[in-house]
Full PDB file with SEQRES, HELIX, SHEET, SSBOND, CRYST1, ORIGX, SCALE, CONECT and MASTER records, all heavy atoms in Angstrom:
SEQRES   1 A   30  ALA GLY GLN LYS THR LEU LYS ASP ALA VAL ASN GLU ALA          
SEQRES   2 A   30  MET ARG ASP TRP VAL THR ASN VAL ARG ASP THR HIS TYR          
SEQRES   3 A   30  ILE LEU GLY THR                                              
HELIX    1 AA1 LEU A    6  THR A   19  1                                  14    
CRYST1    1.000    1.000    1.000  90.00  90.00  90.00 P 1           1          
ORIGX1      1.000000  0.000000  0.000000        0.00000                         
ORIGX2      0.000000  1.000000  0.000000        0.00000                         
ORIGX3      0.000000  0.000000  1.000000        0.00000                         
SCALE1      1.000000  0.000000  0.000000        0.00000                         
SCALE2      0.000000  1.000000  0.000000        0.00000                         
SCALE3      0.000000  0.000000  1.000000        0.00000                         
ATOM      1  N   ALA A   1      -3.472   3.480   5.461  1.00  0.00           N  
ATOM      2  CA  ALA A   1      -4.041   4.728   5.909  1.00  0.00           C  
ATOM      3  C   ALA A   1      -5.417   4.940   5.268  1.00  0.00           C  
ATOM      4  O   ALA A   1      -5.714   4.316   4.255  1.00  0.00           O  
ATOM      5  CB  ALA A   1      -3.150   5.934   5.596  1.00  0.00           C  
ATOM      6  N   GLY A   2      -6.277   5.682   5.973  1.00  0.00           N  
ATOM      7  CA  GLY A   2      -7.593   6.118   5.366  1.00  0.00           C  
ATOM      8  C   GLY A   2      -8.452   4.801   5.078  1.00  0.00           C  
ATOM      9  O   GLY A   2      -8.536   3.888   5.943  1.00  0.00           O  
ATOM     10  N   GLN A   3      -9.043   4.798   3.903  1.00  0.00           N  
ATOM     11  CA  GLN A   3      -9.930   3.663   3.571  1.00  0.00           C  
ATOM     12  C   GLN A   3      -9.087   2.508   3.001  1.00  0.00           C  
ATOM     13  O   GLN A   3      -9.658   1.480   2.643  1.00  0.00           O  
ATOM     14  CB  GLN A   3     -10.932   4.104   2.444  1.00  0.00           C  
ATOM     15  CG  GLN A   3     -12.116   4.817   2.964  1.00  0.00           C  
ATOM     16  CD  GLN A   3     -13.105   4.959   1.816  1.00  0.00           C  
ATOM     17  OE1 GLN A   3     -13.142   5.938   1.105  1.00  0.00           O  
ATOM     18  NE2 GLN A   3     -13.975   3.994   1.694  1.00  0.00           N  
ATOM     19  N   LYS A   4      -7.789   2.756   2.800  1.00  0.00           N  
ATOM     20  CA  LYS A   4      -6.879   1.720   2.241  1.00  0.00           C  
ATOM     21  C   LYS A   4      -7.212   1.368   0.858  1.00  0.00           C  
ATOM     22  O   LYS A   4      -7.075   0.195   0.439  1.00  0.00           O  
ATOM     23  CB  LYS A   4      -6.905   0.493   3.137  1.00  0.00           C  
ATOM     24  CG  LYS A   4      -6.692   0.738   4.666  1.00  0.00           C  
ATOM     25  CD  LYS A   4      -6.796  -0.525   5.506  1.00  0.00           C  
ATOM     26  CE  LYS A   4      -6.792  -0.203   7.022  1.00  0.00           C  
ATOM     27  NZ  LYS A   4      -6.899  -1.436   7.797  1.00  0.00           N  
ATOM     28  N   THR A   5      -7.644   2.380   0.098  1.00  0.00           N  
ATOM     29  CA  THR A   5      -7.950   2.165  -1.358  1.00  0.00           C  
ATOM     30  C   THR A   5      -7.185   3.141  -2.234  1.00  0.00           C  
ATOM     31  O   THR A   5      -6.176   3.658  -1.873  1.00  0.00           O  
ATOM     32  CB  THR A   5      -9.485   2.283  -1.568  1.00  0.00           C  
ATOM     33  OG1 THR A   5      -9.963   3.548  -1.109  1.00  0.00           O  
ATOM     34  CG2 THR A   5     -10.198   1.149  -0.837  1.00  0.00           C  
ATOM     35  N   LEU A   6      -7.704   3.461  -3.389  1.00  0.00           N  
ATOM     36  CA  LEU A   6      -6.925   4.204  -4.414  1.00  0.00           C  
ATOM     37  C   LEU A   6      -6.566   5.589  -4.014  1.00  0.00           C  
ATOM     38  O   LEU A   6      -5.363   6.024  -4.165  1.00  0.00           O  
ATOM     39  CB  LEU A   6      -7.791   4.254  -5.717  1.00  0.00           C  
ATOM     40  CG  LEU A   6      -7.071   4.963  -6.905  1.00  0.00           C  
ATOM     41  CD1 LEU A   6      -5.722   4.298  -7.211  1.00  0.00           C  
ATOM     42  CD2 LEU A   6      -7.992   4.915  -8.105  1.00  0.00           C  
ATOM     43  N   LYS A   7      -7.416   6.354  -3.338  1.00  0.00           N  
ATOM     44  CA  LYS A   7      -7.090   7.714  -2.878  1.00  0.00           C  
ATOM     45  C   LYS A   7      -5.884   7.690  -1.999  1.00  0.00           C  
ATOM     46  O   LYS A   7      -4.994   8.556  -2.110  1.00  0.00           O  
ATOM     47  CB  LYS A   7      -8.290   8.343  -2.165  1.00  0.00           C  
ATOM     48  CG  LYS A   7      -7.951   9.664  -1.503  1.00  0.00           C  
ATOM     49  CD  LYS A   7      -9.176  10.249  -0.833  1.00  0.00           C  
ATOM     50  CE  LYS A   7      -9.583   9.430   0.401  1.00  0.00           C  
ATOM     51  NZ  LYS A   7      -8.598   9.497   1.572  1.00  0.00           N  
ATOM     52  N   ASP A   8      -5.851   6.711  -1.104  1.00  0.00           N  
ATOM     53  CA  ASP A   8      -4.723   6.639  -0.121  1.00  0.00           C  
ATOM     54  C   ASP A   8      -3.495   6.180  -0.800  1.00  0.00           C  
ATOM     55  O   ASP A   8      -2.368   6.606  -0.433  1.00  0.00           O  
ATOM     56  CB  ASP A   8      -5.172   5.640   1.036  1.00  0.00           C  
ATOM     57  CG  ASP A   8      -6.542   5.939   1.455  1.00  0.00           C  
ATOM     58  OD1 ASP A   8      -6.730   7.055   2.067  1.00  0.00           O  
ATOM     59  OD2 ASP A   8      -7.461   5.139   1.253  1.00  0.00           O  
ATOM     60  N   ALA A   9      -3.570   5.381  -1.864  1.00  0.00           N  
ATOM     61  CA  ALA A   9      -2.363   4.995  -2.630  1.00  0.00           C  
ATOM     62  C   ALA A   9      -1.787   6.164  -3.367  1.00  0.00           C  
ATOM     63  O   ALA A   9      -0.511   6.362  -3.388  1.00  0.00           O  
ATOM     64  CB  ALA A   9      -2.699   3.864  -3.582  1.00  0.00           C  
ATOM     65  N   VAL A  10      -2.686   7.008  -3.865  1.00  0.00           N  
ATOM     66  CA  VAL A  10      -2.131   8.249  -4.563  1.00  0.00           C  
ATOM     67  C   VAL A  10      -1.444   9.120  -3.582  1.00  0.00           C  
ATOM     68  O   VAL A  10      -0.384   9.695  -3.885  1.00  0.00           O  
ATOM     69  CB  VAL A  10      -3.378   9.026  -5.162  1.00  0.00           C  
ATOM     70  CG1 VAL A  10      -2.840  10.402  -5.714  1.00  0.00           C  
ATOM     71  CG2 VAL A  10      -3.971   8.183  -6.334  1.00  0.00           C  
ATOM     72  N   ASN A  11      -1.978   9.337  -2.375  1.00  0.00           N  
ATOM     73  CA  ASN A  11      -1.376  10.158  -1.301  1.00  0.00           C  
ATOM     74  C   ASN A  11       0.054   9.640  -1.059  1.00  0.00           C  
ATOM     75  O   ASN A  11       1.021  10.431  -0.962  1.00  0.00           O  
ATOM     76  CB  ASN A  11      -2.188  10.087  -0.034  1.00  0.00           C  
ATOM     77  CG  ASN A  11      -3.425  10.967  -0.068  1.00  0.00           C  
ATOM     78  OD1 ASN A  11      -3.467  11.910  -0.825  1.00  0.00           O  
ATOM     79  ND2 ASN A  11      -4.372  10.646   0.786  1.00  0.00           N  
ATOM     80  N   GLU A  12       0.240   8.378  -0.911  1.00  0.00           N  
ATOM     81  CA  GLU A  12       1.592   7.792  -0.567  1.00  0.00           C  
ATOM     82  C   GLU A  12       2.492   7.954  -1.787  1.00  0.00           C  
ATOM     83  O   GLU A  12       3.678   8.242  -1.583  1.00  0.00           O  
ATOM     84  CB  GLU A  12       1.532   6.288  -0.250  1.00  0.00           C  
ATOM     85  CG  GLU A  12       0.785   6.026   1.128  1.00  0.00           C  
ATOM     86  CD  GLU A  12       1.532   6.799   2.267  1.00  0.00           C  
ATOM     87  OE1 GLU A  12       2.783   6.745   2.314  1.00  0.00           O  
ATOM     88  OE2 GLU A  12       0.861   7.529   3.063  1.00  0.00           O  
ATOM     89  N   ALA A  13       2.004   7.779  -3.049  1.00  0.00           N  
ATOM     90  CA  ALA A  13       2.878   7.958  -4.203  1.00  0.00           C  
ATOM     91  C   ALA A  13       3.355   9.456  -4.284  1.00  0.00           C  
ATOM     92  O   ALA A  13       4.507   9.723  -4.549  1.00  0.00           O  
ATOM     93  CB  ALA A  13       2.122   7.561  -5.493  1.00  0.00           C  
ATOM     94  N   MET A  14       2.468  10.352  -3.966  1.00  0.00           N  
ATOM     95  CA  MET A  14       2.898  11.786  -4.023  1.00  0.00           C  
ATOM     96  C   MET A  14       3.927  12.113  -2.987  1.00  0.00           C  
ATOM     97  O   MET A  14       4.804  12.907  -3.159  1.00  0.00           O  
ATOM     98  CB  MET A  14       1.603  12.666  -3.894  1.00  0.00           C  
ATOM     99  CG  MET A  14       0.742  12.586  -5.101  1.00  0.00           C  
ATOM    100  SD  MET A  14      -0.678  13.695  -5.131  1.00  0.00           S  
ATOM    101  CE  MET A  14       0.178  15.294  -5.402  1.00  0.00           C  
ATOM    102  N   ARG A  15       3.715  11.478  -1.771  1.00  0.00           N  
ATOM    103  CA  ARG A  15       4.768  11.758  -0.688  1.00  0.00           C  
ATOM    104  C   ARG A  15       6.081  11.172  -1.160  1.00  0.00           C  
ATOM    105  O   ARG A  15       7.153  11.806  -0.845  1.00  0.00           O  
ATOM    106  CB  ARG A  15       4.305  11.056   0.623  1.00  0.00           C  
ATOM    107  CG  ARG A  15       3.069  11.648   1.314  1.00  0.00           C  
ATOM    108  CD  ARG A  15       2.834  11.042   2.652  1.00  0.00           C  
ATOM    109  NE  ARG A  15       1.667  11.641   3.261  1.00  0.00           N  
ATOM    110  CZ  ARG A  15       0.481  11.035   3.314  1.00  0.00           C  
ATOM    111  NH1 ARG A  15       0.321   9.800   2.766  1.00  0.00           N  
ATOM    112  NH2 ARG A  15      -0.546  11.550   3.798  1.00  0.00           N  
ATOM    113  N   ASP A  16       6.127  10.125  -1.735  1.00  0.00           N  
ATOM    114  CA  ASP A  16       7.378   9.520  -2.256  1.00  0.00           C  
ATOM    115  C   ASP A  16       7.997  10.435  -3.294  1.00  0.00           C  
ATOM    116  O   ASP A  16       9.154  10.727  -3.236  1.00  0.00           O  
ATOM    117  CB  ASP A  16       7.046   8.118  -2.912  1.00  0.00           C  
ATOM    118  CG  ASP A  16       8.321   7.447  -3.403  1.00  0.00           C  
ATOM    119  OD1 ASP A  16       9.263   8.091  -3.967  1.00  0.00           O  
ATOM    120  OD2 ASP A  16       8.368   6.177  -3.255  1.00  0.00           O  
ATOM    121  N   TRP A  17       7.155  10.929  -4.199  1.00  0.00           N  
ATOM    122  CA  TRP A  17       7.624  11.752  -5.324  1.00  0.00           C  
ATOM    123  C   TRP A  17       8.315  13.136  -4.732  1.00  0.00           C  
ATOM    124  O   TRP A  17       9.355  13.473  -5.170  1.00  0.00           O  
ATOM    125  CB  TRP A  17       6.528  12.126  -6.207  1.00  0.00           C  
ATOM    126  CG  TRP A  17       7.031  12.557  -7.556  1.00  0.00           C  
ATOM    127  CD1 TRP A  17       8.214  12.307  -8.201  1.00  0.00           C  
ATOM    128  CD2 TRP A  17       6.235  13.351  -8.554  1.00  0.00           C  
ATOM    129  NE1 TRP A  17       8.280  12.948  -9.413  1.00  0.00           N  
ATOM    130  CE2 TRP A  17       7.134  13.520  -9.662  1.00  0.00           C  
ATOM    131  CE3 TRP A  17       4.977  13.896  -8.544  1.00  0.00           C  
ATOM    132  CZ2 TRP A  17       6.732  14.253 -10.752  1.00  0.00           C  
ATOM    133  CZ3 TRP A  17       4.545  14.607  -9.705  1.00  0.00           C  
ATOM    134  CH2 TRP A  17       5.400  14.810 -10.774  1.00  0.00           C  
ATOM    135  N   VAL A  18       7.613  13.674  -3.761  1.00  0.00           N  
ATOM    136  CA  VAL A  18       8.181  14.829  -3.110  1.00  0.00           C  
ATOM    137  C   VAL A  18       9.606  14.603  -2.617  1.00  0.00           C  
ATOM    138  O   VAL A  18      10.481  15.437  -2.630  1.00  0.00           O  
ATOM    139  CB  VAL A  18       7.216  15.350  -1.986  1.00  0.00           C  
ATOM    140  CG1 VAL A  18       7.906  16.420  -1.140  1.00  0.00           C  
ATOM    141  CG2 VAL A  18       5.940  15.963  -2.552  1.00  0.00           C  
ATOM    142  N   THR A  19       9.808  13.449  -1.981  1.00  0.00           N  
ATOM    143  CA  THR A  19      11.061  13.073  -1.368  1.00  0.00           C  
ATOM    144  C   THR A  19      12.135  12.704  -2.314  1.00  0.00           C  
ATOM    145  O   THR A  19      13.252  13.037  -2.132  1.00  0.00           O  
ATOM    146  CB  THR A  19      10.822  11.899  -0.381  1.00  0.00           C  
ATOM    147  OG1 THR A  19       9.790  12.174   0.519  1.00  0.00           O  
ATOM    148  CG2 THR A  19      12.114  11.563   0.416  1.00  0.00           C  
ATOM    149  N   ASN A  20      11.754  12.154  -3.482  1.00  0.00           N  
ATOM    150  CA  ASN A  20      12.685  11.600  -4.413  1.00  0.00           C  
ATOM    151  C   ASN A  20      12.568  12.239  -5.843  1.00  0.00           C  
ATOM    152  O   ASN A  20      12.839  11.564  -6.817  1.00  0.00           O  
ATOM    153  CB  ASN A  20      12.541  10.037  -4.547  1.00  0.00           C  
ATOM    154  CG  ASN A  20      12.663   9.439  -3.203  1.00  0.00           C  
ATOM    155  OD1 ASN A  20      13.841   9.283  -2.605  1.00  0.00           O  
ATOM    156  ND2 ASN A  20      11.548   8.920  -2.595  1.00  0.00           N  
ATOM    157  N   VAL A  21      12.253  13.436  -5.894  1.00  0.00           N  
ATOM    158  CA  VAL A  21      11.833  14.038  -7.137  1.00  0.00           C  
ATOM    159  C   VAL A  21      12.978  14.118  -8.201  1.00  0.00           C  
ATOM    160  O   VAL A  21      12.665  14.134  -9.337  1.00  0.00           O  
ATOM    161  CB  VAL A  21      11.212  15.479  -6.911  1.00  0.00           C  
ATOM    162  CG1 VAL A  21      12.261  16.403  -6.466  1.00  0.00           C  
ATOM    163  CG2 VAL A  21      10.384  15.975  -8.087  1.00  0.00           C  
ATOM    164  N   ARG A  22      14.233  14.177  -7.746  1.00  0.00           N  
ATOM    165  CA  ARG A  22      15.272  14.377  -8.736  1.00  0.00           C  
ATOM    166  C   ARG A  22      15.522  13.201  -9.622  1.00  0.00           C  
ATOM    167  O   ARG A  22      15.793  13.343 -10.807  1.00  0.00           O  
ATOM    168  CB  ARG A  22      16.577  14.712  -7.980  1.00  0.00           C  
ATOM    169  CG  ARG A  22      16.562  16.096  -7.307  1.00  0.00           C  
ATOM    170  CD  ARG A  22      17.916  16.536  -6.763  1.00  0.00           C  
ATOM    171  NE  ARG A  22      17.925  17.868  -6.158  1.00  0.00           N  
ATOM    172  CZ  ARG A  22      18.917  18.427  -5.735  1.00  0.00           C  
ATOM    173  NH1 ARG A  22      20.090  17.779  -5.680  1.00  0.00           N  
ATOM    174  NH2 ARG A  22      18.807  19.646  -5.221  1.00  0.00           N  
ATOM    175  N   ASP A  23      15.393  11.945  -9.122  1.00  0.00           N  
ATOM    176  CA  ASP A  23      15.714  10.788  -9.890  1.00  0.00           C  
ATOM    177  C   ASP A  23      14.449   9.959 -10.215  1.00  0.00           C  
ATOM    178  O   ASP A  23      14.513   8.932 -10.835  1.00  0.00           O  
ATOM    179  CB  ASP A  23      16.716   9.847  -9.238  1.00  0.00           C  
ATOM    180  CG  ASP A  23      16.201   9.191  -7.929  1.00  0.00           C  
ATOM    181  OD1 ASP A  23      15.195   9.643  -7.460  1.00  0.00           O  
ATOM    182  OD2 ASP A  23      16.859   8.209  -7.497  1.00  0.00           O  
ATOM    183  N   THR A  24      13.275  10.423  -9.768  1.00  0.00           N  
ATOM    184  CA  THR A  24      12.097   9.640  -9.824  1.00  0.00           C  
ATOM    185  C   THR A  24      10.986  10.277 -10.712  1.00  0.00           C  
ATOM    186  O   THR A  24      10.752  11.436 -10.620  1.00  0.00           O  
ATOM    187  CB  THR A  24      11.481   9.367  -8.426  1.00  0.00           C  
ATOM    188  OG1 THR A  24      12.463   8.623  -7.679  1.00  0.00           O  
ATOM    189  CG2 THR A  24      10.157   8.522  -8.485  1.00  0.00           C  
ATOM    190  N   HIS A  25      10.306   9.425 -11.569  1.00  0.00           N  
ATOM    191  CA  HIS A  25       9.158   9.920 -12.332  1.00  0.00           C  
ATOM    192  C   HIS A  25       7.947   9.166 -11.788  1.00  0.00           C  
ATOM    193  O   HIS A  25       7.950   7.951 -11.617  1.00  0.00           O  
ATOM    194  CB  HIS A  25       9.336   9.635 -13.742  1.00  0.00           C  
ATOM    195  CG  HIS A  25       8.060  10.031 -14.608  1.00  0.00           C  
ATOM    196  ND1 HIS A  25       7.524  11.252 -14.613  1.00  0.00           N  
ATOM    197  CD2 HIS A  25       7.273   9.192 -15.293  1.00  0.00           C  
ATOM    198  CE1 HIS A  25       6.441  11.239 -15.380  1.00  0.00           C  
ATOM    199  NE2 HIS A  25       6.215  10.020 -15.734  1.00  0.00           N  
ATOM    200  N   TYR A  26       6.874   9.885 -11.567  1.00  0.00           N  
ATOM    201  CA  TYR A  26       5.579   9.345 -11.220  1.00  0.00           C  
ATOM    202  C   TYR A  26       4.718   9.101 -12.341  1.00  0.00           C  
ATOM    203  O   TYR A  26       4.280  10.048 -12.987  1.00  0.00           O  
ATOM    204  CB  TYR A  26       4.949  10.299 -10.216  1.00  0.00           C  
ATOM    205  CG  TYR A  26       3.578   9.940  -9.690  1.00  0.00           C  
ATOM    206  CD1 TYR A  26       3.075   8.664  -9.772  1.00  0.00           C  
ATOM    207  CD2 TYR A  26       2.744  10.831  -8.937  1.00  0.00           C  
ATOM    208  CE1 TYR A  26       1.863   8.238  -9.324  1.00  0.00           C  
ATOM    209  CE2 TYR A  26       1.497  10.463  -8.498  1.00  0.00           C  
ATOM    210  CZ  TYR A  26       1.063   9.230  -8.670  1.00  0.00           C  
ATOM    211  OH  TYR A  26      -0.180   8.776  -8.125  1.00  0.00           O  
ATOM    212  N   ILE A  27       4.524   7.790 -12.723  1.00  0.00           N  
ATOM    213  CA  ILE A  27       3.589   7.403 -13.831  1.00  0.00           C  
ATOM    214  C   ILE A  27       2.165   7.385 -13.234  1.00  0.00           C  
ATOM    215  O   ILE A  27       1.708   6.368 -12.792  1.00  0.00           O  
ATOM    216  CB  ILE A  27       3.963   6.078 -14.469  1.00  0.00           C  
ATOM    217  CG1 ILE A  27       5.326   6.120 -15.106  1.00  0.00           C  
ATOM    218  CG2 ILE A  27       2.903   5.787 -15.510  1.00  0.00           C  
ATOM    219  CD1 ILE A  27       5.764   4.932 -15.871  1.00  0.00           C  
ATOM    220  N   LEU A  28       1.503   8.576 -13.189  1.00  0.00           N  
ATOM    221  CA  LEU A  28       0.096   8.536 -12.724  1.00  0.00           C  
ATOM    222  C   LEU A  28      -0.718   7.861 -13.776  1.00  0.00           C  
ATOM    223  O   LEU A  28      -0.535   8.018 -14.992  1.00  0.00           O  
ATOM    224  CB  LEU A  28      -0.281  10.042 -12.558  1.00  0.00           C  
ATOM    225  CG  LEU A  28      -1.502  10.344 -11.679  1.00  0.00           C  
ATOM    226  CD1 LEU A  28      -1.442  11.751 -11.190  1.00  0.00           C  
ATOM    227  CD2 LEU A  28      -2.766  10.230 -12.518  1.00  0.00           C  
ATOM    228  N   GLY A  29      -1.733   7.102 -13.238  1.00  0.00           N  
ATOM    229  CA  GLY A  29      -2.425   6.116 -14.130  1.00  0.00           C  
ATOM    230  C   GLY A  29      -3.727   6.514 -14.817  1.00  0.00           C  
ATOM    231  O   GLY A  29      -4.245   5.749 -15.519  1.00  0.00           O  
ATOM    232  N   THR A  30      -4.161   7.749 -14.554  1.00  0.00           N  
ATOM    233  CA  THR A  30      -5.419   8.079 -15.153  1.00  0.00           C  
ATOM    234  C   THR A  30      -5.389   9.591 -15.525  1.00  0.00           C  
ATOM    235  O   THR A  30      -4.372  10.283 -15.290  1.00  0.00           O  
ATOM    236  CB  THR A  30      -6.607   7.801 -14.194  1.00  0.00           C  
ATOM    237  OG1 THR A  30      -7.802   7.922 -14.956  1.00  0.00           O  
ATOM    238  CG2 THR A  30      -6.639   8.743 -13.040  1.00  0.00           C  
TER     239      THR A  30                                                      
MASTER        0    0    0    1    0    0    0    6  238    1    0    3          
END                                                                             
């Protein structure tokens, strides 16, 4: 999606986290 770079990777990670928040931790990198 989008430019296919870091911003778009963050978007997908956040979508995953919303869906799997109970057992998942998001190690944001910066």
